[in-house]
N, C-alpha and C. Protein backbone atom coordinates (compact mmCIF):
# COMPACT_ATOMS: atom_id res chain seq x y z
N MET A 1 25.99 -161.69 -179.60
CA MET A 1 25.04 -161.36 -180.64
C MET A 1 25.76 -160.53 -181.71
N ALA A 2 25.53 -160.84 -182.95
CA ALA A 2 26.16 -160.13 -184.06
C ALA A 2 25.48 -158.80 -184.32
N THR A 3 26.26 -157.84 -184.76
CA THR A 3 25.73 -156.53 -185.09
C THR A 3 25.07 -156.57 -186.46
N LEU A 4 23.94 -155.91 -186.59
CA LEU A 4 23.23 -155.83 -187.87
C LEU A 4 24.07 -155.03 -188.86
N THR A 5 24.33 -155.60 -190.02
CA THR A 5 25.14 -154.93 -191.04
C THR A 5 24.24 -154.22 -192.05
N ASP A 6 24.85 -153.35 -192.84
CA ASP A 6 24.13 -152.62 -193.87
C ASP A 6 23.54 -153.59 -194.90
N THR A 7 24.30 -154.60 -195.25
CA THR A 7 23.82 -155.59 -196.22
C THR A 7 22.59 -156.32 -195.71
N ASN A 8 22.61 -156.73 -194.44
CA ASN A 8 21.45 -157.42 -193.85
C ASN A 8 20.25 -156.50 -193.79
N ALA A 9 20.45 -155.24 -193.47
CA ALA A 9 19.35 -154.28 -193.37
C ALA A 9 18.72 -154.03 -194.74
N ARG A 10 19.52 -153.98 -195.79
CA ARG A 10 19.00 -153.73 -197.14
C ARG A 10 18.24 -154.94 -197.70
N GLN A 11 18.47 -156.11 -197.14
CA GLN A 11 17.81 -157.33 -197.63
C GLN A 11 16.56 -157.68 -196.82
N ILE A 12 16.10 -156.79 -195.96
CA ILE A 12 14.93 -157.07 -195.13
C ILE A 12 13.69 -157.18 -196.00
N LYS A 13 12.85 -158.16 -195.69
CA LYS A 13 11.62 -158.42 -196.45
C LYS A 13 10.42 -158.12 -195.57
N PRO A 14 9.27 -157.80 -196.17
CA PRO A 14 8.07 -157.47 -195.38
C PRO A 14 7.62 -158.56 -194.41
N ASP A 15 7.87 -159.82 -194.71
CA ASP A 15 7.42 -160.89 -193.83
C ASP A 15 8.46 -161.32 -192.80
N ASP A 16 9.61 -160.65 -192.75
CA ASP A 16 10.65 -160.97 -191.78
C ASP A 16 10.26 -160.49 -190.38
N THR A 17 10.88 -161.11 -189.39
CA THR A 17 10.70 -160.66 -188.01
C THR A 17 11.65 -159.49 -187.77
N PRO A 18 11.40 -158.65 -186.76
CA PRO A 18 12.30 -157.54 -186.48
C PRO A 18 13.72 -158.03 -186.16
N PHE A 19 14.71 -157.32 -186.69
CA PHE A 19 16.11 -157.66 -186.47
C PHE A 19 16.66 -156.82 -185.32
N PRO A 20 17.26 -157.44 -184.30
CA PRO A 20 17.91 -156.65 -183.26
C PRO A 20 19.21 -156.05 -183.79
N HIS A 21 19.57 -154.86 -183.31
CA HIS A 21 20.79 -154.18 -183.76
C HIS A 21 22.02 -154.98 -183.35
N GLY A 22 22.03 -155.46 -182.12
CA GLY A 22 23.15 -156.26 -181.64
C GLY A 22 24.14 -155.48 -180.80
N GLY A 23 24.26 -154.18 -181.03
CA GLY A 23 25.18 -153.37 -180.26
C GLY A 23 24.49 -152.46 -179.27
N ILE A 24 23.21 -152.22 -179.48
CA ILE A 24 22.44 -151.32 -178.63
C ILE A 24 21.22 -152.09 -178.12
N THR A 25 21.10 -152.20 -176.80
CA THR A 25 19.99 -152.93 -176.21
C THR A 25 18.67 -152.22 -176.49
N GLY A 26 17.70 -152.95 -176.99
CA GLY A 26 16.37 -152.41 -177.24
C GLY A 26 16.17 -151.81 -178.62
N LEU A 27 17.22 -151.74 -179.45
CA LEU A 27 17.10 -151.16 -180.79
C LEU A 27 16.87 -152.28 -181.80
N THR A 28 15.75 -152.21 -182.53
CA THR A 28 15.42 -153.22 -183.53
C THR A 28 14.98 -152.56 -184.82
N LEU A 29 15.21 -153.26 -185.92
CA LEU A 29 14.78 -152.81 -187.24
C LEU A 29 13.54 -153.60 -187.62
N HIS A 30 12.40 -152.92 -187.74
CA HIS A 30 11.13 -153.56 -188.09
C HIS A 30 10.89 -153.39 -189.59
N PRO A 31 10.55 -154.48 -190.30
CA PRO A 31 10.34 -154.40 -191.74
C PRO A 31 9.12 -153.57 -192.11
N SER A 32 9.20 -152.93 -193.28
CA SER A 32 8.10 -152.15 -193.83
C SER A 32 7.34 -153.03 -194.82
N THR A 33 6.37 -152.45 -195.51
CA THR A 33 5.60 -153.22 -196.49
C THR A 33 6.33 -153.40 -197.81
N SER A 34 7.43 -152.67 -198.03
CA SER A 34 8.20 -152.84 -199.25
C SER A 34 9.58 -153.40 -198.93
N LYS A 35 10.12 -154.21 -199.83
CA LYS A 35 11.40 -154.87 -199.61
C LYS A 35 12.53 -153.85 -199.50
N GLY A 36 13.41 -154.06 -198.54
CA GLY A 36 14.56 -153.19 -198.36
C GLY A 36 14.29 -151.96 -197.52
N HIS A 37 13.09 -151.82 -196.98
CA HIS A 37 12.75 -150.66 -196.15
C HIS A 37 12.27 -151.12 -194.78
N GLY A 38 12.51 -150.29 -193.80
CA GLY A 38 12.07 -150.61 -192.46
C GLY A 38 12.14 -149.38 -191.58
N LYS A 39 11.82 -149.56 -190.32
CA LYS A 39 11.90 -148.45 -189.37
C LYS A 39 12.61 -148.93 -188.12
N TRP A 40 13.38 -148.03 -187.53
CA TRP A 40 14.08 -148.32 -186.30
C TRP A 40 13.15 -148.07 -185.13
N VAL A 41 13.13 -149.00 -184.19
CA VAL A 41 12.32 -148.86 -182.98
C VAL A 41 13.24 -149.05 -181.79
N LEU A 42 13.21 -148.07 -180.87
CA LEU A 42 14.01 -148.15 -179.65
C LEU A 42 13.07 -148.37 -178.48
N ARG A 43 13.22 -149.49 -177.81
CA ARG A 43 12.41 -149.79 -176.63
C ARG A 43 13.23 -149.37 -175.42
N PHE A 44 12.79 -148.29 -174.79
CA PHE A 44 13.50 -147.74 -173.64
C PHE A 44 13.06 -148.46 -172.38
N ILE A 45 14.02 -148.92 -171.61
CA ILE A 45 13.74 -149.56 -170.34
C ILE A 45 14.47 -148.77 -169.26
N SER A 46 13.71 -148.17 -168.36
CA SER A 46 14.29 -147.37 -167.29
C SER A 46 14.89 -148.28 -166.23
N VAL A 47 16.07 -147.91 -165.75
CA VAL A 47 16.71 -148.68 -164.70
C VAL A 47 16.33 -148.16 -163.32
N VAL A 48 15.63 -147.04 -163.26
CA VAL A 48 15.20 -146.45 -162.00
C VAL A 48 13.86 -147.05 -161.61
N MET A 49 13.74 -147.45 -160.36
CA MET A 49 12.46 -148.02 -159.90
C MET A 49 11.74 -147.06 -159.02
């Protein structure tokens, strides 16, 4: 999986699907309502049962 670059992150559009970071499991960039903005979301998955 390719790592999300700065250029790709700046071109994010409101109707895009979340982009995975590529280097960190569970880290995705979710688009905002304005072009070029988004928020990082980290989905934590515990390995302890």
